[in-house]
PDB file of N, CA and C in Angstrom:
ATOM      1  N   UNK A   1     -23.064  -1.170  -6.107  1.00  0.00           N
ATOM      2  CA  UNK A   1     -21.912  -1.104  -5.700  1.00  0.00           C
ATOM      3  C   UNK A   1     -21.452  -0.666  -4.523  1.00  0.00           C
ATOM      4  N   UNK A   2     -21.949  -1.396  -3.455  1.00  0.00           N
ATOM      5  CA  UNK A   2     -21.292  -1.071  -2.147  1.00  0.00           C
ATOM      6  C   UNK A   2     -20.176  -1.525  -1.688  1.00  0.00           C
ATOM      7  N   UNK A   3     -20.193  -1.318  -0.221  1.00  0.00           N
ATOM      8  CA  UNK A   3     -19.039  -1.608   0.575  1.00  0.00           C
ATOM      9  C   UNK A   3     -18.336  -3.061   0.269  1.00  0.00           C
ATOM     10  N   UNK A   4     -19.564  -4.124   0.102  1.00  0.00           N
ATOM     11  CA  UNK A   4     -19.308  -5.279  -0.062  1.00  0.00           C
ATOM     12  C   UNK A   4     -18.286  -5.859  -1.380  1.00  0.00           C
ATOM     13  N   UNK A   5     -18.799  -4.755  -2.411  1.00  0.00           N
ATOM     14  CA  UNK A   5     -17.713  -5.055  -4.098  1.00  0.00           C
ATOM     15  C   UNK A   5     -16.475  -4.280  -3.427  1.00  0.00           C
ATOM     16  N   UNK A   6     -16.441  -3.518  -2.682  1.00  0.00           N
ATOM     17  CA  UNK A   6     -15.060  -2.732  -2.641  1.00  0.00           C
ATOM     18  C   UNK A   6     -14.150  -3.918  -1.811  1.00  0.00           C
ATOM     19  N   UNK A   7     -14.907  -4.302  -0.670  1.00  0.00           N
ATOM     20  CA  UNK A   7     -14.291  -5.531   0.261  1.00  0.00           C
ATOM     21  C   UNK A   7     -13.549  -6.705  -0.909  1.00  0.00           C
ATOM     22  N   UNK A   8     -14.663  -6.986  -1.746  1.00  0.00           N
ATOM     23  CA  UNK A   8     -14.402  -8.121  -2.639  1.00  0.00           C
ATOM     24  C   UNK A   8     -13.064  -7.920  -3.555  1.00  0.00           C
ATOM     25  N   UNK A   9     -12.928  -6.633  -4.086  1.00  0.00           N
ATOM     26  CA  UNK A   9     -11.755  -6.031  -4.876  1.00  0.00           C
ATOM     27  C   UNK A   9     -10.675  -5.864  -4.201  1.00  0.00           C
ATOM     28  N   UNK A  10     -10.765  -5.269  -2.833  1.00  0.00           N
ATOM     29  CA  UNK A  10      -9.553  -5.354  -1.980  1.00  0.00           C
ATOM     30  C   UNK A  10      -9.061  -6.765  -1.524  1.00  0.00           C
ATOM     31  N   UNK A  11      -9.571  -7.612  -1.520  1.00  0.00           N
ATOM     32  CA  UNK A  11      -9.066  -9.029  -0.967  1.00  0.00           C
ATOM     33  C   UNK A  11      -8.712  -9.601  -2.482  1.00  0.00           C
ATOM     34  N   UNK A  12      -8.809  -9.366  -3.711  1.00  0.00           N
ATOM     35  CA  UNK A  12      -8.199  -9.849  -5.034  1.00  0.00           C
ATOM     36  C   UNK A  12      -6.994  -9.120  -4.730  1.00  0.00           C
ATOM     37  N   UNK A  13      -7.025  -7.952  -4.699  1.00  0.00           N
ATOM     38  CA  UNK A  13      -5.639  -6.974  -4.672  1.00  0.00           C
ATOM     39  C   UNK A  13      -4.938  -7.839  -3.998  1.00  0.00           C
ATOM     40  N   UNK A  14      -5.238  -8.004  -2.597  1.00  0.00           N
ATOM     41  CA  UNK A  14      -4.027  -8.580  -1.400  1.00  0.00           C
ATOM     42  C   UNK A  14      -3.688  -9.939  -1.685  1.00  0.00           C
ATOM     43  N   UNK A  15      -4.633 -10.558  -2.691  1.00  0.00           N
ATOM     44  CA  UNK A  15      -3.965 -12.041  -2.983  1.00  0.00           C
ATOM     45  C   UNK A  15      -3.143 -12.255  -4.109  1.00  0.00           C
ATOM     46  N   UNK A  16      -3.195 -11.075  -5.060  1.00  0.00           N
ATOM     47  CA  UNK A  16      -2.502 -11.072  -6.394  1.00  0.00           C
ATOM     48  C   UNK A  16      -1.380 -10.095  -6.359  1.00  0.00           C
ATOM     49  N   UNK A  17      -1.043  -9.525  -5.540  1.00  0.00           N
ATOM     50  CA  UNK A  17      -0.021  -8.375  -5.252  1.00  0.00           C
ATOM     51  C   UNK A  17       1.336  -8.893  -5.383  1.00  0.00           C
ATOM     52  N   UNK A  18       1.780 -10.167  -4.831  1.00  0.00           N
ATOM     53  CA  UNK A  18       2.965 -10.884  -5.254  1.00  0.00           C
ATOM     54  C   UNK A  18       2.959 -11.034  -6.345  1.00  0.00           C
ATOM     55  N   UNK A  19       2.219 -11.283  -7.339  1.00  0.00           N
ATOM     56  CA  UNK A  19       2.207 -11.731  -8.748  1.00  0.00           C
ATOM     57  C   UNK A  19       2.380 -10.602  -9.493  1.00  0.00           C
ATOM     58  N   UNK A  20       2.351  -8.932  -9.415  1.00  0.00           N
ATOM     59  CA  UNK A  20       2.621  -8.074  -9.798  1.00  0.00           C
ATOM     60  C   UNK A  20       4.212  -7.942 -10.032  1.00  0.00           C
ATOM     61  N   UNK A  21       5.120  -8.472  -9.645  1.00  0.00           N
ATOM     62  CA  UNK A  21       6.483  -8.044  -9.810  1.00  0.00           C
ATOM     63  C   UNK A  21       6.959  -6.764  -9.077  1.00  0.00           C
ATOM     64  N   UNK A  22       6.379  -6.791  -7.850  1.00  0.00           N
ATOM     65  CA  UNK A  22       6.812  -5.466  -6.988  1.00  0.00           C
ATOM     66  C   UNK A  22       5.935  -4.178  -7.449  1.00  0.00           C
ATOM     67  N   UNK A  23       5.237  -4.157  -8.198  1.00  0.00           N
ATOM     68  CA  UNK A  23       4.173  -3.068  -8.353  1.00  0.00           C
ATOM     69  C   UNK A  23       3.348  -3.007  -7.518  1.00  0.00           C
ATOM     70  N   UNK A  24       2.570  -1.871  -6.930  1.00  0.00           N
ATOM     71  CA  UNK A  24       1.576  -1.979  -6.093  1.00  0.00           C
ATOM     72  C   UNK A  24       0.245  -1.215  -6.748  1.00  0.00           C
ATOM     73  N   UNK A  25      -0.840  -1.594  -6.093  1.00  0.00           N
ATOM     74  CA  UNK A  25      -2.086  -0.813  -6.516  1.00  0.00           C
ATOM     75  C   UNK A  25      -2.958  -0.440  -5.396  1.00  0.00           C
ATOM     76  N   UNK A  26      -3.490   0.525  -5.204  1.00  0.00           N
ATOM     77  CA  UNK A  26      -4.562   1.045  -4.235  1.00  0.00           C
ATOM     78  C   UNK A  26      -5.797   1.150  -4.784  1.00  0.00           C
ATOM     79  N   UNK A  27      -6.801   0.806  -4.386  1.00  0.00           N
ATOM     80  CA  UNK A  27      -8.345   1.025  -5.056  1.00  0.00           C
ATOM     81  C   UNK A  27      -8.712   2.254  -4.606  1.00  0.00           C
ATOM     82  N   UNK A  28      -8.980   3.160  -5.732  1.00  0.00           N
ATOM     83  CA  UNK A  28      -9.683   4.406  -5.937  1.00  0.00           C
ATOM     84  C   UNK A  28     -11.096   4.713  -5.923  1.00  0.00           C
ATOM     85  N   UNK A  29     -11.776   3.856  -6.874  1.00  0.00           N
ATOM     86  CA  UNK A  29     -12.976   4.012  -7.037  1.00  0.00           C
ATOM     87  C   UNK A  29     -13.658   2.555  -7.799  1.00  0.00           C
ATOM     88  N   UNK A  30     -14.858   2.301  -7.698  1.00  0.00           N
ATOM     89  CA  UNK A  30     -15.652   1.501  -8.441  1.00  0.00           C
ATOM     90  C   UNK A  30     -17.096   2.164  -9.162  1.00  0.00           C
ATOM     91  N   UNK A  31     -16.996   2.303 -10.771  1.00  0.00           N
ATOM     92  CA  UNK A  31     -18.017   3.140 -10.781  1.00  0.00           C
ATOM     93  C   UNK A  31     -18.514   2.350 -12.362  1.00  0.00           C
ATOM     94  N   UNK A  32     -19.850   2.114 -12.463  1.00  0.00           N
ATOM     95  CA  UNK A  32     -20.071   1.839 -13.841  1.00  0.00           C
ATOM     96  C   UNK A  32     -19.355   0.668 -14.569  1.00  0.00           C
ATOM     97  N   UNK A  33     -18.983  -0.375 -13.901  1.00  0.00           N
ATOM     98  CA  UNK A  33     -18.155  -1.265 -14.271  1.00  0.00           C
ATOM     99  C   UNK A  33     -16.743  -0.895 -14.660  1.00  0.00           C
ATOM    100  N   UNK A  34     -16.200   0.190 -13.906  1.00  0.00           N
ATOM    101  CA  UNK A  34     -14.922  -0.001 -14.098  1.00  0.00           C
ATOM    102  C   UNK A  34     -14.219   0.462 -12.726  1.00  0.00           C
ATOM    103  N   UNK A  35     -12.956  -0.167 -12.753  1.00  0.00           N
ATOM    104  CA  UNK A  35     -12.286  -0.142 -11.701  1.00  0.00           C
ATOM    105  C   UNK A  35     -11.177   0.708 -11.671  1.00  0.00           C
ATOM    106  N   UNK A  36     -11.062   1.774 -10.741  1.00  0.00           N
ATOM    107  CA  UNK A  36      -9.743   2.756 -11.094  1.00  0.00           C
ATOM    108  C   UNK A  36      -8.997   2.285  -9.861  1.00  0.00           C
ATOM    109  N   UNK A  37      -7.598   2.146 -10.030  1.00  0.00           N
ATOM    110  CA  UNK A  37      -6.403   2.186  -9.059  1.00  0.00           C
ATOM    111  C   UNK A  37      -5.295   2.937  -9.174  1.00  0.00           C
ATOM    112  N   UNK A  38      -4.885   3.224  -8.207  1.00  0.00           N
ATOM    113  CA  UNK A  38      -3.673   4.159  -7.724  1.00  0.00           C
ATOM    114  C   UNK A  38      -2.437   3.122  -8.218  1.00  0.00           C
ATOM    115  N   UNK A  39      -1.544   3.437  -9.367  1.00  0.00           N
ATOM    116  CA  UNK A  39      -0.627   2.503  -9.562  1.00  0.00           C
ATOM    117  C   UNK A  39       0.787   3.091  -8.856  1.00  0.00           C
ATOM    118  N   UNK A  40       1.817   2.041  -8.453  1.00  0.00           N
ATOM    119  CA  UNK A  40       3.003   2.173  -7.787  1.00  0.00           C
ATOM    120  C   UNK A  40       3.919   1.449  -8.582  1.00  0.00           C
ATOM    121  N   UNK A  41       4.691   2.087  -9.354  1.00  0.00           N
ATOM    122  CA  UNK A  41       5.738   1.124 -10.166  1.00  0.00           C
ATOM    123  C   UNK A  41       6.643   0.263  -9.563  1.00  0.00           C
ATOM    124  N   UNK A  42       7.249  -0.972  -9.897  1.00  0.00           N
ATOM    125  CA  UNK A  42       8.169  -1.541  -9.314  1.00  0.00           C
ATOM    126  C   UNK A  42       9.384  -0.712  -8.934  1.00  0.00           C
ATOM    127  N   UNK A  43      10.272  -1.148  -7.830  1.00  0.00           N
ATOM    128  CA  UNK A  43      11.341  -0.428  -7.860  1.00  0.00           C
ATOM    129  C   UNK A  43      12.554  -1.373  -8.772  1.00  0.00           C
ATOM    130  N   UNK A  44      13.266  -0.550  -9.398  1.00  0.00           N
ATOM    131  CA  UNK A  44      14.384  -1.247 -10.165  1.00  0.00           C
ATOM    132  C   UNK A  44      15.837  -1.520  -9.461  1.00  0.00           C
ATOM    133  N   UNK A  45      15.761  -1.866  -8.373  1.00  0.00           N
ATOM    134  CA  UNK A  45      16.727  -2.299  -7.789  1.00  0.00           C
ATOM    135  C   UNK A  45      17.236  -3.580  -7.846  1.00  0.00           C
ATOM    136  N   UNK A  46      17.883  -4.556  -8.685  1.00  0.00           N
ATOM    137  CA  UNK A  46      17.775  -5.607  -8.875  1.00  0.00           C
ATOM    138  C   UNK A  46      18.382  -6.633  -7.769  1.00  0.00           C
ATOM    139  N   UNK A  47      19.130  -6.160  -6.941  1.00  0.00           N
ATOM    140  CA  UNK A  47      19.603  -6.378  -5.626  1.00  0.00           C
ATOM    141  C   UNK A  47      18.612  -7.040  -4.563  1.00  0.00           C
ATOM    142  N   UNK A  48      17.589  -6.202  -4.966  1.00  0.00           N
ATOM    143  CA  UNK A  48      16.198  -6.118  -3.715  1.00  0.00           C
ATOM    144  C   UNK A  48      15.547  -7.601  -3.608  1.00  0.00           C
ATOM    145  N   UNK A  49      15.564  -7.882  -4.966  1.00  0.00           N
ATOM    146  CA  UNK A  49      14.720  -9.433  -4.927  1.00  0.00           C
ATOM    147  C   UNK A  49      15.187 -10.248  -5.871  1.00  0.00           C
ATOM    148  N   UNK A  50      14.791 -11.437  -5.915  1.00  0.00           N
ATOM    149  CA  UNK A  50      15.387 -12.158  -7.144  1.00  0.00           C
ATOM    150  C   UNK A  50      14.441 -11.977  -8.714  1.00  0.00           C
ATOM    151  N   UNK A  51      13.341 -11.200  -8.339  1.00  0.00           N
ATOM    152  CA  UNK A  51      12.228 -10.956  -9.214  1.00  0.00           C
ATOM    153  C   UNK A  51      13.082  -9.784 -10.243  1.00  0.00           C
ATOM    154  N   UNK A  52      13.011  -9.691 -11.685  1.00  0.00           N
ATOM    155  CA  UNK A  52      13.322  -8.796 -12.457  1.00  0.00           C
ATOM    156  C   UNK A  52      12.330  -8.102 -12.583  1.00  0.00           C
ATOM    157  N   UNK A  53      12.361  -6.788 -11.676  1.00  0.00           N
ATOM    158  CA  UNK A  53      10.966  -6.091 -11.672  1.00  0.00           C
ATOM    159  C   UNK A  53      11.210  -4.752 -12.779  1.00  0.00           C
ATOM    160  N   UNK A  54      12.211  -4.658 -13.189  1.00  0.00           N
ATOM    161  CA  UNK A  54      11.923  -3.984 -14.541  1.00  0.00           C
ATOM    162  C   UNK A  54      11.487  -4.402 -15.870  1.00  0.00           C
ATOM    163  N   UNK A  55      10.829  -5.905 -15.913  1.00  0.00           N
ATOM    164  CA  UNK A  55      10.144  -6.298 -16.891  1.00  0.00           C
ATOM    165  C   UNK A  55       8.699  -6.258 -16.636  1.00  0.00           C
ATOM    166  N   UNK A  56       8.131  -5.949 -15.717  1.00  0.00           N
ATOM    167  CA  UNK A  56       6.677  -5.688 -15.237  1.00  0.00           C
ATOM    168  C   UNK A  56       6.198  -4.431 -15.817  1.00  0.00           C
ATOM    169  N   UNK A  57       5.585  -4.049 -16.867  1.00  0.00           N
ATOM    170  CA  UNK A  57       5.108  -2.901 -17.129  1.00  0.00           C
ATOM    171  C   UNK A  57       3.624  -2.576 -16.793  1.00  0.00           C
ATOM    172  N   UNK A  58       3.487  -1.546 -16.869  1.00  0.00           N
ATOM    173  CA  UNK A  58       1.902  -0.812 -16.402  1.00  0.00           C
ATOM    174  C   UNK A  58       1.018  -1.926 -17.218  1.00  0.00           C
ATOM    175  N   UNK A  59       0.981  -1.884 -18.640  1.00  0.00           N
ATOM    176  CA  UNK A  59       0.128  -2.947 -19.496  1.00  0.00           C
ATOM    177  C   UNK A  59      -0.030  -4.593 -18.864  1.00  0.00           C
ATOM    178  N   UNK A  60       1.297  -4.873 -18.508  1.00  0.00           N
ATOM    179  CA  UNK A  60       1.011  -6.163 -17.701  1.00  0.00           C
ATOM    180  C   UNK A  60       0.255  -6.565 -16.481  1.00  0.00           C
ATOM    181  N   UNK A  61       0.517  -5.424 -15.567  1.00  0.00           N
ATOM    182  CA  UNK A  61      -0.124  -5.044 -14.432  1.00  0.00           C
ATOM    183  C   UNK A  61      -1.944  -5.205 -14.543  1.00  0.00           C
ATOM    184  N   UNK A  62      -2.064  -4.591 -15.491  1.00  0.00           N
ATOM    185  CA  UNK A  62      -3.687  -3.979 -16.433  1.00  0.00           C
ATOM    186  C   UNK A  62      -4.084  -5.505 -16.476  1.00  0.00           C
ATOM    187  N   UNK A  63      -3.410  -6.224 -17.312  1.00  0.00           N
ATOM    188  CA  UNK A  63      -3.804  -7.675 -17.854  1.00  0.00           C
ATOM    189  C   UNK A  63      -4.036  -8.481 -16.789  1.00  0.00           C
ATOM    190  N   UNK A  64      -3.068  -8.487 -15.830  1.00  0.00           N
ATOM    191  CA  UNK A  64      -3.220  -9.356 -14.589  1.00  0.00           C
ATOM    192  C   UNK A  64      -4.458  -8.889 -13.712  1.00  0.00           C
ATOM    193  N   UNK A  65      -4.476  -7.543 -13.343  1.00  0.00           N
ATOM    194  CA  UNK A  65      -5.786  -7.282 -12.485  1.00  0.00           C
ATOM    195  C   UNK A  65      -6.977  -7.569 -13.396  1.00  0.00           C
ATOM    196  N   UNK A  66      -6.936  -7.465 -14.754  1.00  0.00           N
ATOM    197  CA  UNK A  66      -8.527  -7.661 -15.492  1.00  0.00           C
ATOM    198  C   UNK A  66      -8.740  -9.007 -15.474  1.00  0.00           C
ATOM    199  N   UNK A  67      -7.818  -9.747 -15.333  1.00  0.00           N
ATOM    200  CA  UNK A  67      -7.716 -11.361 -15.629  1.00  0.00           C
ATOM    201  C   UNK A  67      -8.821 -11.662 -14.328  1.00  0.00           C
ATOM    202  N   UNK A  68      -7.902 -11.635 -13.177  1.00  0.00           N
ATOM    203  CA  UNK A  68      -8.529 -11.806 -11.780  1.00  0.00           C
ATOM    204  C   UNK A  68      -9.886 -11.177 -11.463  1.00  0.00           C
ATOM    205  N   UNK A  69      -9.880  -9.762 -11.723  1.00  0.00           N
ATOM    206  CA  UNK A  69     -10.985  -9.238 -11.416  1.00  0.00           C
ATOM    207  C   UNK A  69     -12.185  -9.483 -12.178  1.00  0.00           C
ATOM    208  N   UNK A  70     -12.168  -9.741 -13.515  1.00  0.00           N
ATOM    209  CA  UNK A  70     -13.303 -10.327 -14.674  1.00  0.00           C
ATOM    210  C   UNK A  70     -13.890 -11.516 -13.981  1.00  0.00           C
ATOM    211  N   UNK A  71     -13.017 -12.308 -13.511  1.00  0.00           N
ATOM    212  CA  UNK A  71     -13.530 -13.685 -13.160  1.00  0.00           C
ATOM    213  C   UNK A  71     -14.416 -13.630 -11.964  1.00  0.00           C
ATOM    214  N   UNK A  72     -13.947 -12.634 -10.935  1.00  0.00           N
ATOM    215  CA  UNK A  72     -14.916 -12.493  -9.466  1.00  0.00           C
ATOM    216  C   UNK A  72     -15.801 -11.528  -9.755  1.00  0.00           C
ATOM    217  N   UNK A  73     -15.901 -10.462 -10.435  1.00  0.00           N
ATOM    218  CA  UNK A  73     -16.888  -9.450 -10.639  1.00  0.00           C
ATOM    219  C   UNK A  73     -17.745  -9.743 -12.070  1.00  0.00           C
ATOM    220  N   UNK A  74     -18.770  -9.991 -11.984  1.00  0.00           N
ATOM    221  CA  UNK A  74     -19.634 -10.074 -13.282  1.00  0.00           C
ATOM    222  C   UNK A  74     -19.957  -8.615 -13.683  1.00  0.00           C
ATOM    223  N   UNK A  75     -19.873  -8.265 -14.509  1.00  0.00           N
ATOM    224  CA  UNK A  75     -19.867  -7.056 -15.228  1.00  0.00           C
ATOM    225  C   UNK A  75     -18.882  -6.057 -15.557  1.00  0.00           C
ATOM    226  N   UNK A  76     -17.844  -6.657 -14.769  1.00  0.00           N
ATOM    227  CA  UNK A  76     -16.364  -5.592 -15.032  1.00  0.00           C
ATOM    228  C   UNK A  76     -16.030  -5.292 -16.454  1.00  0.00           C
ATOM    229  N   UNK A  77     -16.130  -4.081 -16.615  1.00  0.00           N
ATOM    230  CA  UNK A  77     -16.034  -3.463 -18.194  1.00  0.00           C
ATOM    231  C   UNK A  77     -14.077  -3.504 -18.349  1.00  0.00           C
ATOM    232  N   UNK A  78     -13.521  -2.608 -17.223  1.00  0.00           N
ATOM    233  CA  UNK A  78     -12.134  -1.980 -17.462  1.00  0.00           C
ATOM    234  C   UNK A  78     -11.574  -1.775 -16.019  1.00  0.00           C
ATOM    235  N   UNK A  79     -10.110  -2.040 -16.253  1.00  0.00           N
ATOM    236  CA  UNK A  79      -9.296  -1.251 -15.033  1.00  0.00           C
ATOM    237  C   UNK A  79      -8.546  -0.260 -15.502  1.00  0.00           C
ATOM    238  N   UNK A  80      -8.573   0.814 -14.835  1.00  0.00           N
ATOM    239  CA  UNK A  80      -7.899   2.076 -14.943  1.00  0.00           C
ATOM    240  C   UNK A  80      -6.734   2.116 -14.000  1.00  0.00           C
ATOM    241  N   UNK A  81      -5.393   2.309 -14.598  1.00  0.00           N
ATOM    242  CA  UNK A  81      -4.844   2.726 -13.425  1.00  0.00           C
ATOM    243  C   UNK A  81      -3.783   4.049 -13.571  1.00  0.00           C
ATOM    244  N   UNK A  82      -3.988   4.615 -12.553  1.00  0.00           N
ATOM    245  CA  UNK A  82      -3.380   6.143 -12.296  1.00  0.00           C
ATOM    246  C   UNK A  82      -2.292   6.101 -11.618  1.00  0.00           C
ATOM    247  N   UNK A  83      -1.049   7.079 -11.947  1.00  0.00           N
ATOM    248  CA  UNK A  83      -0.290   7.190 -11.211  1.00  0.00           C
ATOM    249  C   UNK A  83       1.037   7.111 -12.328  1.00  0.00           C
ATOM    250  N   UNK A  84       2.023   6.374 -11.745  1.00  0.00           N
ATOM    251  CA  UNK A  84       3.694   6.561 -12.135  1.00  0.00           C
ATOM    252  C   UNK A  84       3.653   5.622 -13.508  1.00  0.00           C
ATOM    253  N   UNK A  85       4.257   6.136 -14.480  1.00  0.00           N
ATOM    254  CA  UNK A  85       4.483   5.202 -15.853  1.00  0.00           C
ATOM    255  C   UNK A  85       5.639   4.149 -15.499  1.00  0.00           C
TER     256      UNK A  85
END
C-alpha cells in the first residue's frame, strides 16, 4: 500500500466529489483494506445551490464511496468517515 494507492484513491475522490451533494472528504489513511477519510458535512443553505444538501447523509456518502472505491481497489473491505455528523 504505497503512494500509488493513495494517488488512485485521491483521483477517485476528485472525480466523485460532485456526487456527494456538497459533502467533502479528505484521505487520512489506507491500511489493511480500510480507507479512512475525514468527513465534512454539506452546507444546509438551500439558496447556495439547486442540490438539496440536507438529504445527503453520512451513510449515503459511505455507500457512494464504497461503491466507487471497491470497483477500483481489489481487497477494499471498508470505508470509515471521521468527523462531523
